[in-house]
C-alpha atoms as a PDB file:
ATOM      1  CA  MET A   1     -32.677   8.850 -23.260  1.00  0.00           C
ATOM      2  CA  PRO A   2     -31.775  12.240 -21.701  1.00  0.00           C
ATOM      3  CA  ARG A   3     -28.913  11.902 -19.172  1.00  0.00           C
ATOM      4  CA  PRO A   4     -29.795  12.484 -15.368  1.00  0.00           C
ATOM      5  CA  PRO A   5     -29.016  15.790 -13.991  1.00  0.00           C
ATOM      6  CA  LEU A   6     -25.534  16.109 -12.268  1.00  0.00           C
ATOM      7  CA  GLN A   7     -25.715  16.570  -8.645  1.00  0.00           C
ATOM      8  CA  SER A   8     -22.296  18.301  -7.999  1.00  0.00           C
ATOM      9  CA  LEU A   9     -20.221  21.045  -9.836  1.00  0.00           C
ATOM     10  CA  SER A  10     -16.802  20.159 -11.376  1.00  0.00           C
ATOM     11  CA  GLY A  11     -14.172  21.560 -13.426  1.00  0.00           C
ATOM     12  CA  THR A  12     -15.278  24.524 -15.594  1.00  0.00           C
ATOM     13  CA  HIS A  13     -18.755  24.647 -14.182  1.00  0.00           C
ATOM     14  CA  LEU A  14     -17.330  25.003 -10.571  1.00  0.00           C
ATOM     15  CA  ARG A  15     -15.207  28.063 -11.914  1.00  0.00           C
ATOM     16  CA  ILE A  16     -18.249  29.863 -13.582  1.00  0.00           C
ATOM     17  CA  ALA A  17     -20.346  29.273 -10.497  1.00  0.00           C
ATOM     18  CA  GLU A  18     -17.565  30.770  -8.264  1.00  0.00           C
ATOM     19  CA  VAL A  19     -17.446  33.847 -10.574  1.00  0.00           C
ATOM     20  CA  VAL A  20     -21.219  34.392 -10.405  1.00  0.00           C
ATOM     21  CA  ALA A  21     -21.098  34.104  -6.665  1.00  0.00           C
ATOM     22  CA  GLU A  22     -18.399  36.754  -6.647  1.00  0.00           C
ATOM     23  CA  PHE A  23     -20.479  39.098  -8.565  1.00  0.00           C
ATOM     24  CA  GLU A  24     -23.464  38.496  -6.351  1.00  0.00           C
ATOM     25  CA  ARG A  25     -21.315  39.051  -3.259  1.00  0.00           C
ATOM     26  CA  ASN A  26     -20.567  42.461  -4.709  1.00  0.00           C
ATOM     27  CA  GLU A  27     -24.239  43.163  -5.443  1.00  0.00           C
ATOM     28  CA  ARG A  28     -23.464  43.219  -9.208  1.00  0.00           C
ATOM     29  CA  PRO A  29     -25.854  41.347 -11.799  1.00  0.00           C
ATOM     30  CA  ALA A  30     -23.866  38.685 -13.653  1.00  0.00           C
ATOM     31  CA  TYR A  31     -24.369  39.737 -17.258  1.00  0.00           C
ATOM     32  CA  VAL A  32     -23.040  37.291 -19.783  1.00  0.00           C
ATOM     33  CA  PRO A  33     -20.503  39.669 -21.406  1.00  0.00           C
ATOM     34  CA  GLU A  34     -19.020  40.666 -18.006  1.00  0.00           C
ATOM     35  CA  LEU A  35     -18.742  36.981 -17.087  1.00  0.00           C
ATOM     36  CA  VAL A  36     -16.756  36.452 -20.241  1.00  0.00           C
ATOM     37  CA  GLU A  37     -14.452  39.120 -19.372  1.00  0.00           C
ATOM     38  CA  ALA A  38     -13.908  37.923 -15.787  1.00  0.00           C
ATOM     39  CA  LEU A  39     -13.296  34.316 -17.068  1.00  0.00           C
ATOM     40  CA  LYS A  40     -10.849  35.571 -19.651  1.00  0.00           C
ATOM     41  CA  LEU A  41     -12.934  34.132 -22.611  1.00  0.00           C
ATOM     42  CA  ALA A  42     -12.795  35.269 -26.143  1.00  0.00           C
ATOM     43  CA  ARG A  43     -16.580  35.921 -26.679  1.00  0.00           C
ATOM     44  CA  PRO A  44     -20.059  34.965 -25.335  1.00  0.00           C
ATOM     45  CA  SER A  45     -20.413  31.833 -27.691  1.00  0.00           C
ATOM     46  CA  SER A  46     -17.450  30.389 -25.691  1.00  0.00           C
ATOM     47  CA  LEU A  47     -19.701  30.544 -22.504  1.00  0.00           C
ATOM     48  CA  THR A  48     -23.208  30.101 -23.622  1.00  0.00           C
ATOM     49  CA  PRO A  49     -23.039  26.373 -24.435  1.00  0.00           C
ATOM     50  CA  THR A  50     -21.608  25.547 -20.970  1.00  0.00           C
ATOM     51  CA  LEU A  51     -24.214  27.784 -19.275  1.00  0.00           C
ATOM     52  CA  GLN A  52     -27.027  25.938 -21.126  1.00  0.00           C
ATOM     53  CA  ILE A  53     -25.589  22.655 -19.615  1.00  0.00           C
ATOM     54  CA  MET A  54     -25.386  24.052 -16.199  1.00  0.00           C
ATOM     55  CA  ALA A  55     -28.942  25.390 -16.512  1.00  0.00           C
ATOM     56  CA  ARG A  56     -30.071  21.802 -17.458  1.00  0.00           C
ATOM     57  CA  ASN A  57     -28.476  20.427 -14.471  1.00  0.00           C
ATOM     58  CA  GLY A  58     -30.136  22.994 -12.293  1.00  0.00           C
ATOM     59  CA  PHE A  59     -27.077  25.054 -11.112  1.00  0.00           C
ATOM     60  CA  VAL A  60     -27.842  28.444 -12.816  1.00  0.00           C
ATOM     61  CA  ASP A  61     -31.103  30.361 -14.119  1.00  0.00           C
ATOM     62  CA  LEU A  62     -30.789  31.763 -17.547  1.00  0.00           C
ATOM     63  CA  PRO A  63     -33.038  34.358 -18.882  1.00  0.00           C
ATOM     64  CA  GLY A  64     -36.011  33.403 -20.931  1.00  0.00           C
ATOM     65  CA  LYS A  65     -38.131  35.388 -23.388  1.00  0.00           C
ATOM     66  CA  SER A  66     -40.372  38.188 -22.541  1.00  0.00           C
ATOM     67  CA  ALA A  67     -44.182  38.012 -23.418  1.00  0.00           C
ATOM     68  CA  GLY A  68     -43.300  39.937 -26.772  1.00  0.00           C
ATOM     69  CA  GLY A  69     -40.813  37.117 -27.712  1.00  0.00           C
ATOM     70  CA  LYS A  70     -37.857  39.269 -27.186  1.00  0.00           C
ATOM     71  CA  ARG A  71     -34.923  37.744 -24.903  1.00  0.00           C
ATOM     72  CA  ARG A  72     -34.423  39.372 -21.510  1.00  0.00           C
ATOM     73  CA  ALA A  73     -31.243  40.630 -20.449  1.00  0.00           C
ATOM     74  CA  GLN A  74     -28.687  37.899 -20.280  1.00  0.00           C
ATOM     75  CA  ILE A  75     -28.074  38.005 -16.472  1.00  0.00           C
ATOM     76  CA  VAL A  76     -26.956  34.459 -14.879  1.00  0.00           C
ATOM     77  CA  ARG A  77     -28.338  33.720 -11.467  1.00  0.00           C
ATOM     78  CA  LEU A  78     -27.254  30.824  -9.246  1.00  0.00           C
ATOM     79  CA  THR A  79     -29.879  28.393  -8.131  1.00  0.00           C
ATOM     80  CA  PRO A  80     -30.134  27.056  -4.307  1.00  0.00           C
ATOM     81  CA  LYS A  81     -28.831  23.868  -5.689  1.00  0.00           C
ATOM     82  CA  SER A  82     -25.671  25.641  -6.807  1.00  0.00           C
ATOM     83  CA  ARG A  83     -25.234  27.702  -3.561  1.00  0.00           C
ATOM     84  CA  HIS A  84     -25.394  24.513  -1.706  1.00  0.00           C
ATOM     85  CA  ALA A  85     -22.385  22.965  -4.026  1.00  0.00           C
ATOM     86  CA  LEU A  86     -20.635  25.918  -3.335  1.00  0.00           C
ATOM     87  CA  GLY A  87     -21.152  25.629   0.566  1.00  0.00           C
ATOM     88  CA  ILE A  88     -22.758  29.289   0.373  1.00  0.00           C
ATOM     89  CA  GLY A  89     -26.445  28.315   1.023  1.00  0.00           C
ATOM     90  CA  GLY A  90     -29.294  26.154   0.226  1.00  0.00           C
ATOM     91  CA  LEU A  91     -30.725  23.275   2.323  1.00  0.00           C
ATOM     92  CA  PRO A  92     -30.934  19.618   0.982  1.00  0.00           C
ATOM     93  CA  LEU A  93     -34.380  18.153   1.158  1.00  0.00           C
ATOM     94  CA  LEU A  94     -33.589  14.573   1.766  1.00  0.00           C
ATOM     95  CA  GLY A  95     -37.039  13.150   1.414  1.00  0.00           C
ATOM     96  CA  SER A  96     -39.915  12.222   3.699  1.00  0.00           C
ATOM     97  CA  ILE A  97     -40.010  11.096   7.226  1.00  0.00           C
ATOM     98  CA  PRO A  98     -43.310   9.654   8.823  1.00  0.00           C
ATOM     99  CA  ALA A  99     -44.877  11.511  11.766  1.00  0.00           C
ATOM    100  CA  GLY A 100     -46.812   8.502  12.490  1.00  0.00           C
ATOM    101  CA  LEU A 101     -45.949   4.847  12.418  1.00  0.00           C
ATOM    102  CA  ILE A 102     -42.230   4.043  11.862  1.00  0.00           C
ATOM    103  CA  SER A 103     -41.319   3.425   8.220  1.00  0.00           C
ATOM    104  CA  GLU A 104     -38.042   4.047   6.198  1.00  0.00           C
ATOM    105  CA  ALA A 105     -37.029   7.504   5.512  1.00  0.00           C
ATOM    106  CA  VAL A 106     -35.710   8.579   2.106  1.00  0.00           C
ATOM    107  CA  ALA A 107     -31.930   9.424   2.250  1.00  0.00           C
ATOM    108  CA  GLY A 108     -31.361  10.731  -1.254  1.00  0.00           C
ATOM    109  CA  ALA A 109     -31.462  14.537  -1.895  1.00  0.00           C
ATOM    110  CA  GLU A 110     -34.729  15.196  -3.928  1.00  0.00           C
ATOM    111  CA  GLU A 111     -34.005  19.038  -4.396  1.00  0.00           C
ATOM    112  CA  ILE A 112     -32.186  21.802  -2.770  1.00  0.00           C
ATOM    113  CA  ILE A 113     -34.453  24.516  -0.880  1.00  0.00           C
ATOM    114  CA  ASP A 114     -33.586  27.951  -0.261  1.00  0.00           C
ATOM    115  CA  PRO A 115     -35.377  28.951   2.976  1.00  0.00           C
ATOM    116  CA  GLY A 116     -34.497  32.659   2.650  1.00  0.00           C
ATOM    117  CA  ALA A 117     -34.172  34.766   5.881  1.00  0.00           C
ATOM    118  CA  VAL A 118     -37.124  33.131   7.439  1.00  0.00           C
ATOM    119  CA  LEU A 119     -35.570  29.992   9.049  1.00  0.00           C
ATOM    120  CA  PRO A 120     -32.062  30.365  10.693  1.00  0.00           C
ATOM    121  CA  TRP A 121     -29.901  27.503   9.760  1.00  0.00           C
ATOM    122  CA  ILE A 122     -26.166  26.468   9.575  1.00  0.00           C
ATOM    123  CA  PRO A 123     -24.051  24.298   7.419  1.00  0.00           C
ATOM    124  CA  GLY A 124     -24.912  20.559   7.678  1.00  0.00           C
ATOM    125  CA  ASP A 125     -28.434  21.194   8.533  1.00  0.00           C
ATOM    126  CA  PHE A 126     -31.155  19.368   6.186  1.00  0.00           C
ATOM    127  CA  LEU A 127     -34.709  19.260   5.473  1.00  0.00           C
ATOM    128  CA  LEU A 128     -37.259  16.423   5.479  1.00  0.00           C
ATOM    129  CA  ARG A 129     -40.847  16.569   4.484  1.00  0.00           C
ATOM    130  CA  VAL A 130     -43.200  15.355   7.203  1.00  0.00           C
ATOM    131  CA  ARG A 131     -45.756  12.544   6.195  1.00  0.00           C
ATOM    132  CA  GLY A 132     -48.657  11.793   8.866  1.00  0.00           C
ATOM    133  CA  ASP A 133     -50.257  13.804  11.557  1.00  0.00           C
ATOM    134  CA  SER A 134     -48.798  12.289  14.857  1.00  0.00           C
ATOM    135  CA  MET A 135     -46.870  15.409  15.737  1.00  0.00           C
ATOM    136  CA  THR A 136     -49.840  17.931  15.127  1.00  0.00           C
ATOM    137  CA  GLY A 137     -49.966  18.737  18.874  1.00  0.00           C
ATOM    138  CA  ASP A 138     -46.366  20.258  18.602  1.00  0.00           C
ATOM    139  CA  GLY A 139     -47.456  22.288  15.458  1.00  0.00           C
ATOM    140  CA  ILE A 140     -46.065  19.973  12.982  1.00  0.00           C
ATOM    141  CA  MET A 141     -48.325  19.212  10.288  1.00  0.00           C
ATOM    142  CA  ASP A 142     -48.526  16.774   7.331  1.00  0.00           C
ATOM    143  CA  GLY A 143     -46.593  18.286   4.426  1.00  0.00           C
ATOM    144  CA  ASP A 144     -44.459  20.536   6.394  1.00  0.00           C
ATOM    145  CA  LEU A 145     -40.660  20.690   5.887  1.00  0.00           C
ATOM    146  CA  VAL A 146     -38.623  20.190   9.023  1.00  0.00           C
ATOM    147  CA  LEU A 147     -35.137  21.517   9.648  1.00  0.00           C
ATOM    148  CA  LEU A 148     -33.055  18.986  11.397  1.00  0.00           C
ATOM    149  CA  ARG A 149     -29.504  19.508  12.801  1.00  0.00           C
ATOM    150  CA  PRO A 150     -27.162  16.275  12.882  1.00  0.00           C
ATOM    151  CA  ASN A 151     -24.364  15.549  15.186  1.00  0.00           C
ATOM    152  CA  VAL A 152     -25.337  17.537  18.175  1.00  0.00           C
ATOM    153  CA  ASP A 153     -26.379  16.492  21.583  1.00  0.00           C
ATOM    154  CA  VAL A 154     -29.902  15.422  21.927  1.00  0.00           C
ATOM    155  CA  PRO A 155     -31.739  16.802  24.946  1.00  0.00           C
ATOM    156  CA  ASN A 156     -34.170  14.443  26.818  1.00  0.00           C
ATOM    157  CA  GLY A 157     -37.634  15.210  25.542  1.00  0.00           C
ATOM    158  CA  SER A 158     -36.561  17.015  22.232  1.00  0.00           C
ATOM    159  CA  ILE A 159     -38.246  16.430  18.866  1.00  0.00           C
ATOM    160  CA  ALA A 160     -35.706  14.442  16.549  1.00  0.00           C
ATOM    161  CA  ALA A 161     -35.533  12.285  13.428  1.00  0.00           C
ATOM    162  CA  ALA A 162     -35.199   8.774  15.257  1.00  0.00           C
ATOM    163  CA  CYS A 163     -33.814   5.939  13.171  1.00  0.00           C
ATOM    164  CA  VAL A 164     -34.444   2.484  14.502  1.00  0.00           C
ATOM    165  CA  GLY A 165     -32.547  -0.577  13.819  1.00  0.00           C
ATOM    166  CA  ASP A 166     -30.120  -1.890  11.103  1.00  0.00           C
ATOM    167  CA  GLU A 167     -32.499  -0.693   8.383  1.00  0.00           C
ATOM    168  CA  ARG A 168     -32.556   2.874   9.871  1.00  0.00           C
ATOM    169  CA  GLU A 169     -36.270   2.965   9.847  1.00  0.00           C
ATOM    170  CA  ALA A 170     -37.017   6.548  10.855  1.00  0.00           C
ATOM    171  CA  THR A 171     -39.790   8.641  12.544  1.00  0.00           C
ATOM    172  CA  LEU A 172     -40.316  12.095  13.798  1.00  0.00           C
ATOM    173  CA  LYS A 173     -41.010  11.955  17.547  1.00  0.00           C
ATOM    174  CA  ARG A 174     -40.073  13.267  20.913  1.00  0.00           C
ATOM    175  CA  VAL A 175     -37.180  11.206  22.284  1.00  0.00           C
ATOM    176  CA  PHE A 176     -36.986  10.296  26.027  1.00  0.00           C
ATOM    177  CA  PHE A 177     -33.947   8.186  27.440  1.00  0.00           C
ATOM    178  CA  GLU A 178     -34.913   5.609  29.920  1.00  0.00           C
ATOM    179  CA  GLU A 179     -31.736   3.723  31.146  1.00  0.00           C
ATOM    180  CA  ASP A 180     -31.105   1.159  28.417  1.00  0.00           C
ATOM    181  CA  ARG A 181     -34.067   2.098  26.230  1.00  0.00           C
ATOM    182  CA  VAL A 182     -35.746   4.811  24.486  1.00  0.00           C
ATOM    183  CA  ARG A 183     -39.209   6.133  24.355  1.00  0.00           C
ATOM    184  CA  LEU A 184     -40.473   7.750  21.212  1.00  0.00           C
ATOM    185  CA  ARG A 185     -43.674   9.734  21.952  1.00  0.00           C
ATOM    186  CA  ALA A 186     -46.045  11.318  19.469  1.00  0.00           C
ATOM    187  CA  ALA A 187     -47.855  14.612  20.068  1.00  0.00           C
ATOM    188  CA  HIS A 188     -51.216  12.992  18.993  1.00  0.00           C
ATOM    189  CA  PRO A 189     -53.508  10.712  21.292  1.00  0.00           C
ATOM    190  CA  ALA A 190     -54.202   8.324  18.626  1.00  0.00           C
ATOM    191  CA  TYR A 191     -50.439   7.216  18.505  1.00  0.00           C
ATOM    192  CA  PRO A 192     -49.143   5.033  21.339  1.00  0.00           C
ATOM    193  CA  ASP A 193     -45.601   5.527  22.728  1.00  0.00           C
ATOM    194  CA  VAL A 194     -43.030   3.279  20.854  1.00  0.00           C
ATOM    195  CA  VAL A 195     -40.276   1.849  23.115  1.00  0.00           C
ATOM    196  CA  VAL A 196     -36.975   0.562  21.514  1.00  0.00           C
ATOM    197  CA  PRO A 197     -33.635  -0.679  22.823  1.00  0.00           C
ATOM    198  CA  GLY A 198     -31.371   2.216  23.203  1.00  0.00           C
ATOM    199  CA  ALA A 199     -28.530   0.475  21.200  1.00  0.00           C
ATOM    200  CA  SER A 200     -30.855   0.087  18.259  1.00  0.00           C
ATOM    201  CA  LEU A 201     -31.498   3.959  17.897  1.00  0.00           C
ATOM    202  CA  TRP A 202     -29.679   6.481  16.069  1.00  0.00           C
ATOM    203  CA  VAL A 203     -30.813  10.272  16.033  1.00  0.00           C
ATOM    204  CA  ALA A 204     -30.246  11.604  12.399  1.00  0.00           C
ATOM    205  CA  GLY A 205     -30.876  15.157  13.655  1.00  0.00           C
ATOM    206  CA  ILE A 206     -32.752  17.220  16.194  1.00  0.00           C
ATOM    207  CA  PHE A 207     -35.695  19.498  15.226  1.00  0.00           C
ATOM    208  CA  LYS A 208     -34.838  23.069  14.682  1.00  0.00           C
ATOM    209  CA  GLY A 209     -37.688  24.712  12.850  1.00  0.00           C
ATOM    210  CA  LEU A 210     -40.078  24.375   9.802  1.00  0.00           C
ATOM    211  CA  ILE A 211     -41.459  25.706   6.792  1.00  0.00           C
ATOM    212  CA  ARG A 212     -45.089  25.350   6.397  1.00  0.00           C
ATOM    213  CA  HIS A 213     -46.714  23.447   3.618  1.00  0.00           C
ATOM    214  CA  ALA A 214     -43.899  24.337   1.162  1.00  0.00           C
ATOM    215  CA  GLY A 215     -45.080  21.797  -1.272  1.00  0.00           C
ATOM    216  CA  PRO A 216     -47.495  18.715  -1.485  1.00  0.00           C
ATOM    217  CA  ALA A 217     -46.549  15.735   0.662  1.00  0.00           C
ATOM    218  CA  SER A 218     -45.922  12.503  -1.366  1.00  0.00           C
END
């Protein structure tokens, strides 16, 4: 049985990723021979097996073969997963959140997404994939990836990932604070408001933007 891919960089892999990142910061392609020199290794064969392991774990992209069967130039590129591990980019996709009836949100990272320059974000932000149609009135569709920001003040009436109860069942709704309770409001007439005790609600993050249908909902 193959080993599951690692989710974090460690040891030698971290050092290699840092050197590739330095090449990219200097707008230099990270050719394998130059990486060997920068890492003070004896020869490419000292590096290649480690790069192959990193590629299997999703931390680097390695050149494949061209249509004619010849191997492309050996340029090593960091993946969004690797950038996230280094703290220089990439947003974790933590799973799905219902935009409908309340149900459990997935908490483990499924993959790391690179939003490019189209979606402003800061370290600590994360993505969830929307399931359901209760927020279509606010332009949030089934299958969208929503950008959420944790650990910030939640303005009354803002869209947020609201987690309810000890099991932290989650839903994407507008949040209205009413004395000792909280009203969760959809943006679709088919869904009634849900009112919960204020003490039972925890906001995982407030809505900051979306990526439209970046992949199929599941």
